[in-house]
Amino acid sequence: MKLTDFDFDLPESLIATRPARPRTHARLLLAQGDEIADRHVYDLIDIFRPGDRLVLNNTKVIPARLTGQRTRGDAVAKVEITLLEPAASGWRALAKPLRKLNEGEVIRFSDSLSATVAEKGETDLRLTFNLTGDDFDAALAEAGAMPLPPYIAAKRAPDAQDATDYQTVFARHAGAVAAPTASLHFDEPLLRALADKGVTFTEVTLHVGAGTFLPVKVDDVTTHRMHAEWGQVTPGAAAEINATKRAGGRVIPVGTTALRLIESATDAEGVMQPWTGPTDIFIYPGYRFRITDALMTNFHLPKSTLMMLVSALMGQERIKRIYAHAVQNGYRFFSYGDSSLLIP
């Protein structure tokens, strides 16, 4: 299975740099079996059935991009930091320029927030901040910016609107440095309308890491190693999902992050178990899905692990037809783009 099997031509003009407004007016490609229909997210009220259970990732994106200053005597240098994930002590982070930082140096981001370079590696470093808990969260919210994906950040800088646009309406647990972007299409009125119809919801948590944007660098995709991300499925969430399966309802994760977590937490008999800890599950064609019946997801990068995941769900030839339809009909791609509902 080669990396080129998951490539396709994508015009740059289809890469979205802003989301649809309102959120629910994004387009929705409905792929059910071999049928493809062009809809909108607000049409989900007519597509989902009573008894369906949507699995939502309630992670909250932190403003992980920081700009600070490092001072040596009279020399002051600008430093750009991107937080990657919490470490045993402090945070793992990328730094630009990394080579000009030394262990023990202090980077000041605002009057209240600073960090010390506790450890420096070849590609990243570990920072310890002067604040913790709620004080750190408040200072980070003031000093930081949303960590937009590279393909958006290359086109424009983050701004105040991204603080709302790049966060789901049900974000509760801070820790992600990338959004679960399929969930960005929901607003409170749509959630209420779906609930009134008999659709149920279960929240899980997977803190999406910056590794979600890392390219696959091996030609034989089966040898690729996934980045690990921390997730949690509570006993209550597991019980809800199992009850839906027993009742004959469909379990539909919203986003690949929710899908990867619930597949990690499901045993070989198809029973969801509580889960707390990292998962590095890698789903590619040949994978047998244990709990997932369908998937709502945005359109993904060529040759990415997420293209492999949707190919595993729908079949490689079918997903090629779906993506060809999306490109031909001008669907908007990636984090701020349109959505799809994939039903095998």
Protein backbone atom coordinates (compact mmCIF):
# COMPACT_ATOMS: atom_id res chain seq x y z
CA MET A 1 0.00 0.00 0.00
CA LYS A 2 1.82 3.09 -1.29
CA LEU A 3 1.60 6.72 -0.25
CA THR A 4 0.74 7.70 -3.82
CA ASP A 5 -2.46 5.62 -3.52
CA PHE A 6 -3.85 8.45 -1.38
CA ASP A 7 -2.87 11.39 -3.56
CA PHE A 8 -5.17 13.62 -5.59
CA ASP A 9 -5.03 16.98 -7.35
CA LEU A 10 -6.42 19.83 -5.26
CA PRO A 11 -6.64 23.38 -6.64
CA GLU A 12 -5.25 25.83 -4.11
CA SER A 13 -8.34 27.99 -4.60
CA LEU A 14 -10.41 25.35 -2.75
CA ILE A 15 -8.43 25.69 0.51
CA ALA A 16 -10.68 27.64 2.89
CA THR A 17 -9.14 30.40 5.02
CA ARG A 18 -12.42 31.41 6.71
CA PRO A 19 -15.41 29.27 7.71
CA ALA A 20 -18.91 29.50 6.33
CA ARG A 21 -21.26 31.83 8.20
CA PRO A 22 -23.52 30.83 9.80
CA ARG A 23 -21.66 27.63 10.70
CA THR A 24 -24.52 25.40 9.60
CA HIS A 25 -24.54 26.89 6.08
CA ALA A 26 -21.39 25.02 5.13
CA ARG A 27 -21.97 22.53 2.34
CA LEU A 28 -22.32 18.85 3.17
CA LEU A 29 -21.44 16.04 0.79
CA LEU A 30 -23.66 13.09 1.73
CA ALA A 31 -22.09 9.79 0.60
CA GLN A 32 -24.25 6.79 1.39
CA GLY A 33 -23.10 3.59 -0.22
CA ASP A 34 -22.47 4.48 -3.87
CA GLU A 35 -24.82 7.50 -3.84
CA ILE A 36 -23.54 11.08 -3.55
CA ALA A 37 -25.80 14.05 -2.79
CA ASP A 38 -24.99 17.75 -2.36
CA ARG A 39 -26.55 19.11 0.82
CA HIS A 40 -25.82 21.59 3.62
CA VAL A 41 -25.00 21.02 7.28
CA TYR A 42 -28.43 22.32 8.31
CA ASP A 43 -29.92 19.39 6.35
CA LEU A 44 -28.62 17.02 9.03
CA ILE A 45 -31.98 17.46 10.74
CA ASP A 46 -33.49 15.52 7.82
CA ILE A 47 -30.62 13.03 7.45
CA PHE A 48 -30.04 11.75 10.97
CA ARG A 49 -32.60 9.37 12.48
CA PRO A 50 -34.13 9.10 15.96
CA GLY A 51 -31.88 6.78 17.92
CA ASP A 52 -28.68 7.90 16.19
CA ARG A 53 -25.92 8.88 18.63
CA LEU A 54 -23.39 11.54 17.66
CA VAL A 55 -20.03 11.33 19.43
CA LEU A 56 -18.58 14.81 20.00
CA ASN A 57 -15.01 15.70 20.95
CA ASN A 58 -15.27 18.35 23.67
CA THR A 59 -11.59 19.29 23.71
CA LYS A 60 -10.85 23.02 23.86
CA VAL A 61 -8.15 24.63 21.72
CA ILE A 62 -5.68 26.73 23.64
CA PRO A 63 -4.14 29.91 22.13
CA ALA A 64 -0.88 28.04 21.62
CA ARG A 65 1.00 30.57 19.44
CA LEU A 66 3.11 32.99 21.47
CA THR A 67 5.48 35.79 20.52
CA GLY A 68 8.04 36.82 23.12
CA GLN A 69 11.44 38.31 23.74
CA ARG A 70 14.72 36.82 24.93
CA THR A 71 17.16 39.28 26.50
CA ARG A 72 20.94 38.88 26.82
CA GLY A 73 22.48 42.01 28.28
CA ASP A 74 21.53 44.78 25.87
CA ALA A 75 20.60 42.35 23.09
CA VAL A 76 16.89 41.62 22.66
CA ALA A 77 15.67 38.92 20.24
CA LYS A 78 12.18 38.03 19.08
CA VAL A 79 11.10 34.42 19.70
CA GLU A 80 8.03 32.66 18.29
CA ILE A 81 6.71 29.71 20.30
CA THR A 82 4.09 27.08 19.42
CA LEU A 83 3.00 24.91 22.34
CA LEU A 84 2.74 21.25 21.39
CA GLU A 85 1.59 19.32 24.47
CA PRO A 86 1.88 19.32 28.26
CA ALA A 87 5.01 17.59 29.59
CA ALA A 88 5.67 16.07 33.00
CA SER A 89 6.95 19.49 33.95
CA GLY A 90 5.93 22.38 31.70
CA TRP A 91 5.16 22.20 27.96
CA ARG A 92 6.83 20.77 24.89
CA ALA A 93 7.04 23.49 22.28
CA LEU A 94 8.47 24.51 18.94
CA ALA A 95 10.61 27.64 18.85
CA LYS A 96 11.69 29.95 16.06
CA PRO A 97 14.64 30.42 16.07
CA LEU A 98 15.40 27.33 18.16
CA ARG A 99 19.17 27.41 17.64
CA LYS A 100 19.54 30.82 19.30
CA LEU A 101 17.97 29.72 22.58
CA ASN A 102 19.93 28.24 25.47
CA GLU A 103 18.77 26.20 28.44
CA GLY A 104 18.05 28.41 31.43
CA GLU A 105 17.11 31.47 29.37
CA VAL A 106 13.84 33.28 30.04
CA ILE A 107 11.37 34.27 27.32
CA ARG A 108 8.92 37.01 28.27
CA PHE A 109 5.54 37.04 26.49
CA SER A 110 3.67 39.71 28.47
CA ASP A 111 3.87 41.59 31.76
CA SER A 112 2.44 38.53 33.53
CA LEU A 113 3.60 35.54 31.46
CA SER A 114 7.13 34.23 30.95
CA ALA A 115 8.82 30.86 30.49
CA THR A 116 12.23 29.33 31.13
CA VAL A 117 13.91 27.01 28.64
CA ALA A 118 14.19 23.93 30.83
CA GLU A 119 15.43 21.55 28.15
CA LYS A 120 16.46 21.91 24.52
CA GLY A 121 16.36 19.15 21.92
CA GLU A 122 17.18 18.96 18.23
CA THR A 123 13.69 19.89 17.02
CA ASP A 124 11.83 21.25 20.05
CA LEU A 125 12.22 22.27 23.66
CA ARG A 126 10.55 22.06 27.06
CA LEU A 127 9.36 25.26 28.71
CA THR A 128 8.42 25.83 32.33
CA PHE A 129 6.08 28.78 32.83
CA ASN A 130 5.98 31.19 35.75
CA LEU A 131 2.25 30.57 36.22
CA THR A 132 0.09 27.47 36.62
CA GLY A 133 -3.61 26.55 36.74
CA ASP A 134 -6.20 29.25 36.18
CA ASP A 135 -3.56 31.99 36.34
CA PHE A 136 -1.68 30.37 33.43
CA ASP A 137 -4.89 29.91 31.43
CA ALA A 138 -5.83 33.57 31.87
CA ALA A 139 -2.37 34.86 30.94
CA LEU A 140 -2.18 32.54 27.93
CA ALA A 141 -5.59 33.70 26.72
CA GLU A 142 -4.32 37.29 26.84
CA ALA A 143 -0.91 36.72 25.25
CA GLY A 144 -1.51 33.82 22.86
CA ALA A 145 -3.10 33.43 19.45
CA MET A 146 -5.04 30.54 17.94
CA PRO A 147 -2.70 27.95 16.34
CA LEU A 148 -4.14 27.98 12.83
CA PRO A 149 -3.07 25.07 10.60
CA PRO A 150 0.01 25.74 8.45
CA TYR A 151 -2.00 25.92 5.22
CA ILE A 152 -4.06 28.79 6.66
CA ALA A 153 -1.25 30.48 8.57
CA ALA A 154 0.75 30.64 5.32
CA LYS A 155 -2.02 32.76 3.79
CA ARG A 156 -2.93 35.05 6.71
CA ALA A 157 -2.19 35.72 10.37
CA PRO A 158 -4.65 34.64 13.08
CA ASP A 159 -6.94 37.37 14.34
CA ALA A 160 -9.61 37.93 16.98
CA GLN A 161 -12.30 36.22 14.88
CA ASP A 162 -10.36 32.94 15.00
CA ALA A 163 -10.80 32.79 18.77
CA THR A 164 -14.47 32.03 18.07
CA ASP A 165 -14.25 30.42 14.62
CA TYR A 166 -11.61 27.86 15.62
CA GLN A 167 -13.48 26.64 18.71
CA THR A 168 -16.49 24.33 18.93
CA VAL A 169 -19.61 25.45 20.78
CA PHE A 170 -19.21 22.50 23.16
CA ALA A 171 -15.48 22.95 23.92
CA ARG A 172 -14.98 22.25 27.65
CA HIS A 173 -11.57 20.73 28.43
CA ALA A 174 -8.53 22.80 27.46
CA GLY A 175 -5.55 21.01 25.98
CA ALA A 176 -5.76 20.84 22.18
CA VAL A 177 -3.46 22.73 19.82
CA ALA A 178 -5.68 21.97 16.81
CA ALA A 179 -9.46 21.97 16.57
CA PRO A 180 -11.68 18.94 15.93
CA THR A 181 -12.77 20.73 12.81
CA ALA A 182 -15.80 18.66 11.76
CA SER A 183 -17.45 19.87 14.97
CA LEU A 184 -17.01 23.53 14.00
CA HIS A 185 -20.13 23.22 11.81
CA PHE A 186 -22.53 22.83 14.76
CA ASP A 187 -24.28 25.63 16.59
CA GLU A 188 -26.67 25.52 19.54
CA PRO A 189 -29.91 25.74 17.49
CA LEU A 190 -28.89 22.76 15.32
CA LEU A 191 -27.93 20.71 18.39
CA ARG A 192 -31.32 21.48 19.98
CA ALA A 193 -33.20 20.62 16.79
CA LEU A 194 -31.40 17.29 16.50
CA ALA A 195 -32.12 16.50 20.15
CA ASP A 196 -35.80 17.31 19.63
CA LYS A 197 -35.83 14.79 16.77
CA GLY A 198 -34.47 12.04 19.01
CA VAL A 199 -30.78 12.19 18.12
CA THR A 200 -28.60 11.70 21.20
CA PHE A 201 -25.12 12.96 22.02
CA THR A 202 -22.11 11.61 23.87
CA GLU A 203 -19.06 13.73 24.64
CA VAL A 204 -15.53 12.32 24.72
CA THR A 205 -12.20 14.14 24.94
CA LEU A 206 -9.19 13.83 22.65
CA HIS A 207 -6.63 16.63 22.89
CA VAL A 208 -5.61 17.10 19.26
CA GLY A 209 -1.85 17.62 18.92
CA ALA A 210 0.24 19.43 16.35
CA GLY A 211 1.28 16.03 15.03
CA THR A 212 -2.05 15.92 13.21
CA PHE A 213 -0.40 18.13 10.55
CA LEU A 214 2.79 16.08 10.20
CA PRO A 215 3.27 14.61 6.72
CA VAL A 216 3.66 10.90 6.06
CA LYS A 217 7.28 10.41 5.04
CA VAL A 218 7.35 6.68 4.21
CA ASP A 219 6.39 5.19 0.87
CA ASP A 220 4.94 2.04 2.45
CA VAL A 221 2.17 3.57 4.55
CA THR A 222 1.83 0.49 6.74
CA THR A 223 5.20 1.38 8.32
CA HIS A 224 4.10 4.89 9.36
CA ARG A 225 4.04 5.60 13.10
CA MET A 226 1.26 7.85 14.39
CA HIS A 227 1.74 10.59 16.96
CA ALA A 228 0.10 9.84 20.30
CA GLU A 229 -2.70 12.02 21.68
CA TRP A 230 -4.31 11.95 25.12
CA GLY A 231 -7.96 10.98 25.30
CA GLN A 232 -10.71 10.03 27.71
CA VAL A 233 -13.93 8.05 27.42
CA THR A 234 -15.74 8.16 30.75
CA PRO A 235 -17.67 5.14 32.08
CA GLY A 236 -20.89 7.07 31.43
CA ALA A 237 -19.92 7.79 27.83
CA ALA A 238 -19.03 4.15 27.22
CA ALA A 239 -22.36 3.03 28.69
CA GLU A 240 -24.31 5.44 26.45
CA ILE A 241 -22.60 4.24 23.28
CA ASN A 242 -23.03 0.58 24.20
CA ALA A 243 -26.72 1.18 24.90
CA THR A 244 -27.18 2.74 21.47
CA LYS A 245 -25.56 -0.25 19.77
CA ARG A 246 -27.75 -2.69 21.72
CA ALA A 247 -30.85 -0.73 20.70
CA GLY A 248 -29.90 -0.85 17.02
CA GLY A 249 -29.00 2.83 16.71
CA ARG A 250 -26.08 4.17 14.74
CA VAL A 251 -22.92 5.47 16.41
CA ILE A 252 -21.63 8.41 14.38
CA PRO A 253 -18.46 10.19 15.50
CA VAL A 254 -18.20 13.83 14.48
CA GLY A 255 -14.64 14.08 13.28
CA THR A 256 -11.72 11.72 12.89
CA THR A 257 -10.47 12.54 16.40
CA ALA A 258 -13.66 11.23 17.99
CA LEU A 259 -13.55 8.19 15.69
CA ARG A 260 -9.96 7.31 16.55
CA LEU A 261 -10.69 7.57 20.27
CA ILE A 262 -13.81 5.41 20.32
CA GLU A 263 -12.17 2.80 18.11
CA SER A 264 -9.24 2.75 20.55
CA ALA A 265 -11.60 2.24 23.48
CA THR A 266 -13.65 -0.58 21.91
CA ASP A 267 -12.67 -4.19 22.54
CA ALA A 268 -12.53 -7.02 20.00
CA GLU A 269 -16.15 -7.93 20.74
CA GLY A 270 -17.35 -4.45 19.81
CA VAL A 271 -17.99 -3.30 23.38
CA MET A 272 -16.92 0.21 24.36
CA GLN A 273 -14.74 0.38 27.47
CA PRO A 274 -13.79 3.40 29.59
CA TRP A 275 -10.47 4.83 28.48
CA THR A 276 -7.99 7.34 29.85
CA GLY A 277 -4.56 7.77 28.32
CA PRO A 278 -2.73 8.15 25.01
CA THR A 279 -3.77 6.59 21.73
CA ASP A 280 -1.66 6.27 18.61
CA ILE A 281 -4.14 4.19 16.62
CA PHE A 282 -3.46 4.29 12.87
CA ILE A 283 -6.42 3.41 10.65
CA TYR A 284 -5.80 2.57 7.01
CA PRO A 285 -7.50 0.28 4.45
CA GLY A 286 -7.95 -3.19 5.82
CA TYR A 287 -8.89 -1.96 9.27
CA ARG A 288 -12.07 -3.50 10.68
CA PHE A 289 -14.21 -0.89 12.40
CA ARG A 290 -15.48 -2.02 15.80
CA ILE A 291 -18.04 0.59 16.84
CA THR A 292 -18.29 3.28 14.11
CA ASP A 293 -21.31 3.19 11.76
CA ALA A 294 -20.72 6.45 9.88
CA LEU A 295 -18.50 9.53 10.07
CA MET A 296 -19.00 13.26 9.71
CA THR A 297 -15.71 14.84 8.65
CA ASN A 298 -14.17 17.66 6.63
CA PHE A 299 -12.12 17.11 3.47
CA HIS A 300 -8.52 16.09 4.11
CA LEU A 301 -5.04 16.68 2.73
CA PRO A 302 -3.69 14.50 -0.06
CA LYS A 303 -1.41 11.69 1.16
CA SER A 304 -2.43 12.25 4.80
CA THR A 305 -3.26 9.68 7.47
CA LEU A 306 -6.80 11.06 7.49
CA MET A 307 -7.18 10.25 3.78
CA MET A 308 -6.16 6.72 4.72
CA LEU A 309 -8.77 6.65 7.49
CA VAL A 310 -11.69 7.70 5.28
CA SER A 311 -10.46 5.26 2.61
CA ALA A 312 -10.60 2.50 5.21
CA LEU A 313 -14.18 3.44 6.04
CA MET A 314 -15.56 3.87 2.52
CA GLY A 315 -13.12 1.92 0.33
CA GLN A 316 -10.29 3.42 -1.72
CA GLU A 317 -12.09 3.57 -5.07
CA ARG A 318 -15.25 5.01 -3.54
CA ILE A 319 -13.36 7.70 -1.64
CA LYS A 320 -11.57 8.67 -4.87
CA ARG A 321 -14.97 9.21 -6.51
CA ILE A 322 -16.19 11.20 -3.51
CA TYR A 323 -13.16 13.49 -3.55
CA ALA A 324 -13.31 13.90 -7.33
CA HIS A 325 -16.94 15.01 -6.93
CA ALA A 326 -15.95 17.44 -4.17
CA VAL A 327 -13.20 19.03 -6.28
CA GLN A 328 -15.34 19.20 -9.41
CA ASN A 329 -18.21 20.84 -7.51
CA GLY A 330 -16.11 23.38 -5.65
CA TYR A 331 -16.33 22.12 -2.10
CA ARG A 332 -14.05 24.01 0.29
CA PHE A 333 -11.27 21.93 1.87
CA PHE A 334 -9.52 21.46 5.21
CA SER A 335 -10.10 22.94 8.67
CA TYR A 336 -12.38 25.86 7.73
CA GLY A 337 -13.90 24.06 4.78
CA ASP A 338 -17.08 22.17 4.05
CA SER A 339 -18.11 18.82 5.50
CA SER A 340 -19.05 15.33 4.46
CA LEU A 341 -21.17 12.60 5.99
CA LEU A 342 -19.73 9.20 5.05
CA ILE A 343 -22.09 6.23 5.50
CA PRO A 344 -20.59 2.92 4.29
